[in-house]
C-alpha atoms as a PDB file:
ATOM      1  CA  UNK A   1       7.524   7.972 -20.602  1.00  0.00           C
ATOM      2  CA  UNK A   2       8.643   8.678 -16.676  1.00  0.00           C
ATOM      3  CA  UNK A   3      10.420   5.755 -15.145  1.00  0.00           C
ATOM      4  CA  UNK A   4       9.752   4.615 -11.925  1.00  0.00           C
ATOM      5  CA  UNK A   5      12.033   3.367  -9.662  1.00  0.00           C
ATOM      6  CA  UNK A   6      11.523  -0.926  -8.752  1.00  0.00           C
ATOM      7  CA  UNK A   7      12.422  -1.581  -4.802  1.00  0.00           C
ATOM      8  CA  UNK A   8      13.410  -5.427  -4.637  1.00  0.00           C
ATOM      9  CA  UNK A   9      11.446  -7.460  -1.977  1.00  0.00           C
ATOM     10  CA  UNK A  10      13.275  -9.757   0.060  1.00  0.00           C
ATOM     11  CA  UNK A  11      12.085 -12.854  -2.097  1.00  0.00           C
ATOM     12  CA  UNK A  12      13.733 -10.562  -5.397  1.00  0.00           C
ATOM     13  CA  UNK A  13      10.711 -10.044  -7.042  1.00  0.00           C
ATOM     14  CA  UNK A  14      10.175  -5.939  -7.492  1.00  0.00           C
ATOM     15  CA  UNK A  15       7.743  -3.434  -6.536  1.00  0.00           C
ATOM     16  CA  UNK A  16       7.219  -0.434  -7.775  1.00  0.00           C
ATOM     17  CA  UNK A  17       7.344   2.497  -5.719  1.00  0.00           C
ATOM     18  CA  UNK A  18       4.631   4.403  -7.339  1.00  0.00           C
ATOM     19  CA  UNK A  19       1.324   2.903  -7.525  1.00  0.00           C
ATOM     20  CA  UNK A  20      -2.146   3.434  -7.891  1.00  0.00           C
ATOM     21  CA  UNK A  21      -4.604   3.045  -5.040  1.00  0.00           C
ATOM     22  CA  UNK A  22      -8.292   2.635  -5.402  1.00  0.00           C
ATOM     23  CA  UNK A  23      -9.190   2.627  -1.538  1.00  0.00           C
ATOM     24  CA  UNK A  24     -12.602   5.043  -1.607  1.00  0.00           C
ATOM     25  CA  UNK A  25     -13.620   4.603  -5.676  1.00  0.00           C
ATOM     26  CA  UNK A  26     -16.489   3.193  -6.150  1.00  0.00           C
ATOM     27  CA  UNK A  27     -17.038  -0.040  -8.466  1.00  0.00           C
ATOM     28  CA  UNK A  28     -18.664   1.908 -10.906  1.00  0.00           C
ATOM     29  CA  UNK A  29     -15.601   4.280 -11.398  1.00  0.00           C
ATOM     30  CA  UNK A  30     -12.978   2.094 -10.523  1.00  0.00           C
ATOM     31  CA  UNK A  31     -12.428   0.700 -14.448  1.00  0.00           C
ATOM     32  CA  UNK A  32     -11.906   3.874 -16.041  1.00  0.00           C
ATOM     33  CA  UNK A  33      -9.608   5.167 -12.834  1.00  0.00           C
ATOM     34  CA  UNK A  34      -7.218   1.981 -13.817  1.00  0.00           C
ATOM     35  CA  UNK A  35      -7.460   2.726 -17.116  1.00  0.00           C
ATOM     36  CA  UNK A  36      -6.503   5.755 -17.163  1.00  0.00           C
ATOM     37  CA  UNK A  37      -3.706   5.179 -14.100  1.00  0.00           C
ATOM     38  CA  UNK A  38      -2.504   2.576 -16.091  1.00  0.00           C
ATOM     39  CA  UNK A  39      -2.467   5.492 -19.437  1.00  0.00           C
ATOM     40  CA  UNK A  40      -0.526   7.801 -17.830  1.00  0.00           C
ATOM     41  CA  UNK A  41       1.974   5.608 -17.243  1.00  0.00           C
ATOM     42  CA  UNK A  42       1.482   3.548 -13.703  1.00  0.00           C
ATOM     43  CA  UNK A  43       2.579   0.166 -13.438  1.00  0.00           C
ATOM     44  CA  UNK A  44       1.138  -1.020  -9.708  1.00  0.00           C
ATOM     45  CA  UNK A  45      -2.002  -1.331  -8.805  1.00  0.00           C
ATOM     46  CA  UNK A  46      -3.189  -1.627  -4.907  1.00  0.00           C
ATOM     47  CA  UNK A  47      -6.771  -2.831  -3.942  1.00  0.00           C
ATOM     48  CA  UNK A  48      -8.500  -4.919  -1.513  1.00  0.00           C
ATOM     49  CA  UNK A  49     -11.139  -7.388  -0.704  1.00  0.00           C
ATOM     50  CA  UNK A  50     -12.572  -4.896   1.560  1.00  0.00           C
ATOM     51  CA  UNK A  51     -12.956  -2.186  -1.594  1.00  0.00           C
ATOM     52  CA  UNK A  52     -15.713  -4.297  -3.086  1.00  0.00           C
ATOM     53  CA  UNK A  53     -13.823  -2.917  -6.373  1.00  0.00           C
ATOM     54  CA  UNK A  54     -11.520  -6.306  -7.792  1.00  0.00           C
ATOM     55  CA  UNK A  55     -14.032  -7.142 -10.581  1.00  0.00           C
ATOM     56  CA  UNK A  56     -13.241  -3.802 -11.585  1.00  0.00           C
ATOM     57  CA  UNK A  57      -9.802  -3.206 -10.913  1.00  0.00           C
ATOM     58  CA  UNK A  58      -9.326  -6.822 -13.416  1.00  0.00           C
ATOM     59  CA  UNK A  59     -11.926  -5.180 -16.110  1.00  0.00           C
ATOM     60  CA  UNK A  60      -9.856  -2.002 -16.052  1.00  0.00           C
ATOM     61  CA  UNK A  61      -6.251  -3.708 -16.733  1.00  0.00           C
ATOM     62  CA  UNK A  62      -8.144  -6.078 -19.339  1.00  0.00           C
ATOM     63  CA  UNK A  63      -9.208  -2.845 -21.026  1.00  0.00           C
ATOM     64  CA  UNK A  64      -6.006  -0.707 -20.838  1.00  0.00           C
ATOM     65  CA  UNK A  65      -4.296  -3.166 -23.450  1.00  0.00           C
ATOM     66  CA  UNK A  66      -1.207  -3.087 -21.630  1.00  0.00           C
ATOM     67  CA  UNK A  67       0.232  -6.279 -20.971  1.00  0.00           C
ATOM     68  CA  UNK A  68      -0.610  -8.781 -17.718  1.00  0.00           C
ATOM     69  CA  UNK A  69       3.562  -8.887 -17.258  1.00  0.00           C
ATOM     70  CA  UNK A  70       4.329  -5.019 -16.827  1.00  0.00           C
ATOM     71  CA  UNK A  71       1.478  -4.726 -14.046  1.00  0.00           C
ATOM     72  CA  UNK A  72       2.011  -5.337 -10.589  1.00  0.00           C
ATOM     73  CA  UNK A  73      -0.897  -6.215  -8.432  1.00  0.00           C
ATOM     74  CA  UNK A  74      -2.151  -5.790  -4.542  1.00  0.00           C
ATOM     75  CA  UNK A  75      -4.853  -7.200  -2.711  1.00  0.00           C
ATOM     76  CA  UNK A  76      -5.521  -7.947   0.816  1.00  0.00           C
ATOM     77  CA  UNK A  77      -7.571 -10.157   3.042  1.00  0.00           C
ATOM     78  CA  UNK A  78     -10.709  -9.196   4.259  1.00  0.00           C
ATOM     79  CA  UNK A  79     -11.373  -9.528   7.723  1.00  0.00           C
ATOM     80  CA  UNK A  80     -13.834 -12.076   8.213  1.00  0.00           C
ATOM     81  CA  UNK A  81     -12.038 -14.466   6.006  1.00  0.00           C
ATOM     82  CA  UNK A  82      -9.034 -14.948   8.533  1.00  0.00           C
ATOM     83  CA  UNK A  83      -9.487 -18.565   9.556  1.00  0.00           C
ATOM     84  CA  UNK A  84      -7.369 -20.820   7.105  1.00  0.00           C
ATOM     85  CA  UNK A  85     -10.542 -22.497   5.217  1.00  0.00           C
ATOM     86  CA  UNK A  86     -12.209 -18.708   4.676  1.00  0.00           C
ATOM     87  CA  UNK A  87      -9.012 -17.090   3.661  1.00  0.00           C
ATOM     88  CA  UNK A  88      -7.948 -20.190   1.116  1.00  0.00           C
ATOM     89  CA  UNK A  89     -12.033 -19.561  -0.696  1.00  0.00           C
ATOM     90  CA  UNK A  90     -11.406 -15.449  -0.478  1.00  0.00           C
ATOM     91  CA  UNK A  91      -8.034 -15.414  -2.426  1.00  0.00           C
ATOM     92  CA  UNK A  92      -9.499 -18.086  -4.714  1.00  0.00           C
ATOM     93  CA  UNK A  93     -12.303 -15.555  -5.273  1.00  0.00           C
ATOM     94  CA  UNK A  94      -9.911 -12.291  -5.994  1.00  0.00           C
ATOM     95  CA  UNK A  95      -8.421 -14.713  -7.920  1.00  0.00           C
ATOM     96  CA  UNK A  96     -11.330 -15.371  -9.503  1.00  0.00           C
ATOM     97  CA  UNK A  97     -12.970 -11.379  -9.330  1.00  0.00           C
ATOM     98  CA  UNK A  98      -9.332  -9.926 -10.681  1.00  0.00           C
ATOM     99  CA  UNK A  99      -9.130 -12.353 -13.850  1.00  0.00           C
ATOM    100  CA  UNK A 100      -5.909 -13.313 -13.096  1.00  0.00           C
ATOM    101  CA  UNK A 101      -4.387 -16.855 -12.569  1.00  0.00           C
ATOM    102  CA  UNK A 102      -2.025 -14.851 -10.304  1.00  0.00           C
ATOM    103  CA  UNK A 103      -1.228 -11.738  -8.551  1.00  0.00           C
ATOM    104  CA  UNK A 104       1.578 -10.059  -6.898  1.00  0.00           C
ATOM    105  CA  UNK A 105       1.543  -9.220  -3.633  1.00  0.00           C
ATOM    106  CA  UNK A 106      -1.507 -10.677  -1.069  1.00  0.00           C
ATOM    107  CA  UNK A 107      -1.684  -9.148   2.248  1.00  0.00           C
ATOM    108  CA  UNK A 108      -3.311  -9.971   5.514  1.00  0.00           C
ATOM    109  CA  UNK A 109      -5.245  -6.322   5.446  1.00  0.00           C
ATOM    110  CA  UNK A 110      -5.297  -6.515   9.514  1.00  0.00           C
ATOM    111  CA  UNK A 111      -3.865  -8.196  12.205  1.00  0.00           C
ATOM    112  CA  UNK A 112      -6.988  -7.823  14.578  1.00  0.00           C
ATOM    113  CA  UNK A 113      -5.026  -8.859  17.469  1.00  0.00           C
ATOM    114  CA  UNK A 114      -8.671  -9.208  19.806  1.00  0.00           C
ATOM    115  CA  UNK A 115     -10.691 -11.452  17.111  1.00  0.00           C
ATOM    116  CA  UNK A 116     -10.378 -15.016  16.356  1.00  0.00           C
ATOM    117  CA  UNK A 117      -8.053 -15.706  19.587  1.00  0.00           C
ATOM    118  CA  UNK A 118      -5.739 -13.511  18.678  1.00  0.00           C
ATOM    119  CA  UNK A 119      -4.509 -15.999  16.069  1.00  0.00           C
ATOM    120  CA  UNK A 120      -3.042 -14.101  12.883  1.00  0.00           C
ATOM    121  CA  UNK A 121      -0.263 -17.020  13.027  1.00  0.00           C
ATOM    122  CA  UNK A 122      -2.455 -19.558  11.381  1.00  0.00           C
ATOM    123  CA  UNK A 123      -3.619 -17.053   8.890  1.00  0.00           C
ATOM    124  CA  UNK A 124      -0.493 -15.885   7.876  1.00  0.00           C
ATOM    125  CA  UNK A 125       0.696 -19.757   7.494  1.00  0.00           C
ATOM    126  CA  UNK A 126      -2.072 -19.506   5.204  1.00  0.00           C
ATOM    127  CA  UNK A 127      -0.730 -16.620   3.054  1.00  0.00           C
ATOM    128  CA  UNK A 128       2.518 -18.842   2.884  1.00  0.00           C
ATOM    129  CA  UNK A 129       1.011 -21.464   0.996  1.00  0.00           C
ATOM    130  CA  UNK A 130      -0.038 -19.204  -1.355  1.00  0.00           C
ATOM    131  CA  UNK A 131       3.345 -17.687  -2.434  1.00  0.00           C
ATOM    132  CA  UNK A 132       4.886 -21.365  -2.325  1.00  0.00           C
ATOM    133  CA  UNK A 133       2.161 -22.682  -5.086  1.00  0.00           C
ATOM    134  CA  UNK A 134       2.865 -19.209  -7.203  1.00  0.00           C
ATOM    135  CA  UNK A 135      -0.436 -17.514  -7.115  1.00  0.00           C
ATOM    136  CA  UNK A 136       0.728 -15.175  -5.214  1.00  0.00           C
ATOM    137  CA  UNK A 137       3.930 -13.308  -6.083  1.00  0.00           C
ATOM    138  CA  UNK A 138       4.942 -12.329  -2.547  1.00  0.00           C
ATOM    139  CA  UNK A 139       2.818 -12.219   0.578  1.00  0.00           C
ATOM    140  CA  UNK A 140       2.706  -9.772   3.491  1.00  0.00           C
ATOM    141  CA  UNK A 141       0.639  -7.518   5.413  1.00  0.00           C
ATOM    142  CA  UNK A 142      -0.679  -4.634   6.615  1.00  0.00           C
ATOM    143  CA  UNK A 143      -1.402  -2.506   9.857  1.00  0.00           C
ATOM    144  CA  UNK A 144       1.164  -5.071  11.372  1.00  0.00           C
ATOM    145  CA  UNK A 145       2.936  -3.644  14.829  1.00  0.00           C
ATOM    146  CA  UNK A 146       6.588  -4.745  15.961  1.00  0.00           C
ATOM    147  CA  UNK A 147       5.347  -7.343  18.594  1.00  0.00           C
ATOM    148  CA  UNK A 148       2.595  -8.669  15.621  1.00  0.00           C
ATOM    149  CA  UNK A 149       5.767  -8.984  13.394  1.00  0.00           C
ATOM    150  CA  UNK A 150       7.711 -10.353  16.286  1.00  0.00           C
ATOM    151  CA  UNK A 151       5.649 -13.182  16.816  1.00  0.00           C
ATOM    152  CA  UNK A 152       5.021 -14.176  12.870  1.00  0.00           C
ATOM    153  CA  UNK A 153       9.557 -14.255  13.074  1.00  0.00           C
ATOM    154  CA  UNK A 154       8.915 -16.384  16.398  1.00  0.00           C
ATOM    155  CA  UNK A 155       6.382 -18.838  14.882  1.00  0.00           C
ATOM    156  CA  UNK A 156       6.787 -18.946  11.209  1.00  0.00           C
ATOM    157  CA  UNK A 157       9.626 -19.284   9.090  1.00  0.00           C
ATOM    158  CA  UNK A 158       8.670 -16.683   6.488  1.00  0.00           C
ATOM    159  CA  UNK A 159       9.040 -12.516   7.177  1.00  0.00           C
ATOM    160  CA  UNK A 160       6.429 -10.878   5.054  1.00  0.00           C
ATOM    161  CA  UNK A 161       7.662  -8.934   2.381  1.00  0.00           C
ATOM    162  CA  UNK A 162       5.989  -6.412   2.913  1.00  0.00           C
ATOM    163  CA  UNK A 163       4.260  -4.075   5.846  1.00  0.00           C
ATOM    164  CA  UNK A 164       1.693  -1.523   4.610  1.00  0.00           C
ATOM    165  CA  UNK A 165       1.016   0.910   7.324  1.00  0.00           C
ATOM    166  CA  UNK A 166      -0.378   4.537   7.982  1.00  0.00           C
ATOM    167  CA  UNK A 167       2.437   6.927   7.266  1.00  0.00           C
ATOM    168  CA  UNK A 168       2.478  10.812   6.686  1.00  0.00           C
ATOM    169  CA  UNK A 169       4.369  13.927   7.714  1.00  0.00           C
ATOM    170  CA  UNK A 170       1.708  13.941  10.575  1.00  0.00           C
ATOM    171  CA  UNK A 171       2.239   9.813  11.606  1.00  0.00           C
ATOM    172  CA  UNK A 172       5.458   8.934  10.423  1.00  0.00           C
ATOM    173  CA  UNK A 173       5.017   6.057  12.105  1.00  0.00           C
ATOM    174  CA  UNK A 174       9.168   5.592  12.769  1.00  0.00           C
ATOM    175  CA  UNK A 175       9.048   2.561  14.969  1.00  0.00           C
ATOM    176  CA  UNK A 176       7.408   0.084  12.856  1.00  0.00           C
ATOM    177  CA  UNK A 177       9.273   2.269  10.034  1.00  0.00           C
ATOM    178  CA  UNK A 178      12.133   1.007  11.678  1.00  0.00           C
ATOM    179  CA  UNK A 179      11.195  -2.204  12.322  1.00  0.00           C
ATOM    180  CA  UNK A 180      10.725  -2.685   9.137  1.00  0.00           C
ATOM    181  CA  UNK A 181      13.887  -1.531   8.094  1.00  0.00           C
ATOM    182  CA  UNK A 182      15.728  -4.004  10.325  1.00  0.00           C
ATOM    183  CA  UNK A 183      14.540  -6.855   8.963  1.00  0.00           C
ATOM    184  CA  UNK A 184      14.095  -6.830   5.364  1.00  0.00           C
ATOM    185  CA  UNK A 185      10.239  -5.515   5.315  1.00  0.00           C
ATOM    186  CA  UNK A 186       9.163  -2.790   2.793  1.00  0.00           C
ATOM    187  CA  UNK A 187       7.029  -0.407   4.223  1.00  0.00           C
ATOM    188  CA  UNK A 188       4.413   0.876   1.870  1.00  0.00           C
ATOM    189  CA  UNK A 189       2.363   3.843   3.102  1.00  0.00           C
ATOM    190  CA  UNK A 190      -1.169   4.017   3.261  1.00  0.00           C
ATOM    191  CA  UNK A 191      -2.706   7.301   3.761  1.00  0.00           C
ATOM    192  CA  UNK A 192       0.196   9.403   2.451  1.00  0.00           C
ATOM    193  CA  UNK A 193      -1.559  13.006   2.226  1.00  0.00           C
ATOM    194  CA  UNK A 194      -3.213  12.202   5.803  1.00  0.00           C
ATOM    195  CA  UNK A 195      -6.312  11.920   3.504  1.00  0.00           C
ATOM    196  CA  UNK A 196      -5.950  15.406   2.498  1.00  0.00           C
ATOM    197  CA  UNK A 197      -5.145  16.943   5.730  1.00  0.00           C
ATOM    198  CA  UNK A 198      -1.605  18.032   4.821  1.00  0.00           C
ATOM    199  CA  UNK A 199      -2.510  19.809   1.663  1.00  0.00           C
ATOM    200  CA  UNK A 200      -3.159  22.672   3.548  1.00  0.00           C
ATOM    201  CA  UNK A 201      -0.510  22.763   6.070  1.00  0.00           C
ATOM    202  CA  UNK A 202       1.406  26.078   5.804  1.00  0.00           C
ATOM    203  CA  UNK A 203       5.102  24.579   5.576  1.00  0.00           C
ATOM    204  CA  UNK A 204       4.042  22.197   2.638  1.00  0.00           C
ATOM    205  CA  UNK A 205       2.503  25.109   1.056  1.00  0.00           C
ATOM    206  CA  UNK A 206       5.548  26.854   1.433  1.00  0.00           C
ATOM    207  CA  UNK A 207       7.817  24.585   0.266  1.00  0.00           C
ATOM    208  CA  UNK A 208       5.417  23.719  -2.693  1.00  0.00           C
ATOM    209  CA  UNK A 209       5.382  27.523  -3.842  1.00  0.00           C
ATOM    210  CA  UNK A 210       9.085  28.045  -3.504  1.00  0.00           C
ATOM    211  CA  UNK A 211       9.963  24.500  -5.726  1.00  0.00           C
ATOM    212  CA  UNK A 212       6.845  25.195  -8.377  1.00  0.00           C
ATOM    213  CA  UNK A 213       4.695  22.193  -7.271  1.00  0.00           C
ATOM    214  CA  UNK A 214       2.063  21.444  -5.570  1.00  0.00           C
ATOM    215  CA  UNK A 215       1.432  20.485  -1.888  1.00  0.00           C
ATOM    216  CA  UNK A 216       0.531  16.789  -2.782  1.00  0.00           C
ATOM    217  CA  UNK A 217       3.500  16.763  -5.135  1.00  0.00           C
ATOM    218  CA  UNK A 218       5.999  17.397  -2.182  1.00  0.00           C
ATOM    219  CA  UNK A 219       4.664  15.135  -0.221  1.00  0.00           C
ATOM    220  CA  UNK A 220       4.598  12.667  -2.050  1.00  0.00           C
ATOM    221  CA  UNK A 221       8.133  12.985  -3.129  1.00  0.00           C
ATOM    222  CA  UNK A 222       8.993  13.253   1.522  1.00  0.00           C
ATOM    223  CA  UNK A 223       7.883   9.627   1.132  1.00  0.00           C
ATOM    224  CA  UNK A 224       9.704   8.440  -2.275  1.00  0.00           C
ATOM    225  CA  UNK A 225      12.652   9.778  -1.066  1.00  0.00           C
ATOM    226  CA  UNK A 226      12.575   8.114   3.145  1.00  0.00           C
ATOM    227  CA  UNK A 227      11.833   4.600   0.754  1.00  0.00           C
ATOM    228  CA  UNK A 228       8.776   3.857   1.103  1.00  0.00           C
ATOM    229  CA  UNK A 229       6.337   2.650  -1.154  1.00  0.00           C
ATOM    230  CA  UNK A 230       3.320   4.831  -2.144  1.00  0.00           C
ATOM    231  CA  UNK A 231      -0.322   4.436  -3.913  1.00  0.00           C
ATOM    232  CA  UNK A 232      -1.774   7.763  -4.073  1.00  0.00           C
ATOM    233  CA  UNK A 233      -5.924   7.489  -5.257  1.00  0.00           C
ATOM    234  CA  UNK A 234      -7.508  10.077  -7.465  1.00  0.00           C
ATOM    235  CA  UNK A 235     -10.558   9.868 -10.066  1.00  0.00           C
ATOM    236  CA  UNK A 236      -9.663  13.332 -11.596  1.00  0.00           C
ATOM    237  CA  UNK A 237      -7.337  12.694 -14.777  1.00  0.00           C
ATOM    238  CA  UNK A 238      -5.067  15.634 -13.813  1.00  0.00           C
ATOM    239  CA  UNK A 239      -4.551  14.924 -10.710  1.00  0.00           C
ATOM    240  CA  UNK A 240      -3.154  11.092 -11.466  1.00  0.00           C
ATOM    241  CA  UNK A 241      -1.152  12.656 -13.712  1.00  0.00           C
ATOM    242  CA  UNK A 242      -0.058  15.118 -11.306  1.00  0.00           C
ATOM    243  CA  UNK A 243       0.754  12.493  -8.481  1.00  0.00           C
ATOM    244  CA  UNK A 244       2.680  10.661 -11.004  1.00  0.00           C
ATOM    245  CA  UNK A 245       5.110  13.384 -11.581  1.00  0.00           C
ATOM    246  CA  UNK A 246       8.099  13.075  -8.654  1.00  0.00           C
ATOM    247  CA  UNK A 247      10.740  12.479 -10.448  1.00  0.00           C
ATOM    248  CA  UNK A 248      11.638  15.720 -11.940  1.00  0.00           C
ATOM    249  CA  UNK A 249      12.687  17.134  -8.535  1.00  0.00           C
ATOM    250  CA  UNK A 250      14.352  16.607  -5.053  1.00  0.00           C
ATOM    251  CA  UNK A 251      13.789  18.059  -1.837  1.00  0.00           C
ATOM    252  CA  UNK A 252      16.839  18.913  -0.051  1.00  0.00           C
ATOM    253  CA  UNK A 253      17.811  17.723   3.370  1.00  0.00           C
ATOM    254  CA  UNK A 254      16.703  21.073   5.227  1.00  0.00           C
ATOM    255  CA  UNK A 255      13.143  20.316   3.515  1.00  0.00           C
ATOM    256  CA  UNK A 256      12.674  17.038   4.124  1.00  0.00           C
ATOM    257  CA  UNK A 257      13.669  17.300   7.980  1.00  0.00           C
ATOM    258  CA  UNK A 258      11.203  20.405   7.830  1.00  0.00           C
ATOM    259  CA  UNK A 259       8.681  18.375   6.632  1.00  0.00           C
ATOM    260  CA  UNK A 260      10.030  15.296   9.357  1.00  0.00           C
ATOM    261  CA  UNK A 261       9.415  17.854  12.180  1.00  0.00           C
ATOM    262  CA  UNK A 262       5.349  18.272  11.205  1.00  0.00           C
ATOM    263  CA  UNK A 263       4.799  14.544  13.380  1.00  0.00           C
ATOM    264  CA  UNK A 264       2.674  15.235  15.930  1.00  0.00           C
ATOM    265  CA  UNK A 265       3.094  11.393  17.462  1.00  0.00           C
ATOM    266  CA  UNK A 266      -0.308   9.710  18.206  1.00  0.00           C
ATOM    267  CA  UNK A 267      -2.010  12.533  18.010  1.00  0.00           C
ATOM    268  CA  UNK A 268      -1.542  12.727  13.632  1.00  0.00           C
ATOM    269  CA  UNK A 269      -2.831   8.889  13.404  1.00  0.00           C
ATOM    270  CA  UNK A 270      -5.798   9.670  10.629  1.00  0.00           C
ATOM    271  CA  UNK A 271      -6.582   5.387  10.798  1.00  0.00           C
ATOM    272  CA  UNK A 272      -7.405   2.847  13.453  1.00  0.00           C
ATOM    273  CA  UNK A 273      -4.927   1.905  15.603  1.00  0.00           C
ATOM    274  CA  UNK A 274      -3.623  -1.389  15.053  1.00  0.00           C
ATOM    275  CA  UNK A 275      -3.226  -3.007  18.532  1.00  0.00           C
ATOM    276  CA  UNK A 276      -7.126  -2.518  19.136  1.00  0.00           C
ATOM    277  CA  UNK A 277      -8.959  -2.396  15.317  1.00  0.00           C
ATOM    278  CA  UNK A 278     -11.428  -5.028  15.935  1.00  0.00           C
ATOM    279  CA  UNK A 279     -13.869  -4.365  13.059  1.00  0.00           C
ATOM    280  CA  UNK A 280     -14.965  -7.560  11.114  1.00  0.00           C
ATOM    281  CA  UNK A 281     -18.232  -6.890   9.278  1.00  0.00           C
END
């Protein structure tokens, strides 16, 4: 079986660099998708309260027969539960829905700087509690900009283990990645293929043709060589397997630079801007 590299977090725990994401997988399809991914060899599952499929993720893990201690499980706090008491209750519900006594990583999903009086710091302090009491192996954030991270550093005593942000060839998000790297924060790349948009890119397809790989494999390999954690999503067994087969080839420096050159700056962003995103639901 393919050996997926592990990345060491700031607290000494490790996270598999390649995982399986369940964003936008219907709950009815999630348990089967998770089982399939674990059968292929994935040992890292990324979900969120907002996805509405934590129960089914837990079902898929239990049905897989893979020992719990071999699986790295991540979830994220729903935007409507940022206040400390609500965050504590929501986290307990996550554990109950997953059917687990602990998870490996729990994140604030969005900073929401225009909501809750701009107070995401108390939310972060609440997540720190979950790490200290052992119910989360590590805690981190998602979609935080450098100024948000600077505020956490100034007002609390724990740097996030992870910052999960939008990253892909059209929007490599280098300023946030650099901040993360400079401060010992692991970057996780969501939307690694730009919601599929990069798969028709002529540069990507030329490289794929030369290597005898798919466009998705080329892009995902680019992420791997940059050192980020990725968790592509698919419910198609062939693609689930294909997305896992990233470790029998490498991109040379010229190829990496050619993909780097696809950067479109802010125009390449596919998701919301974390500075203005304010959906609570």
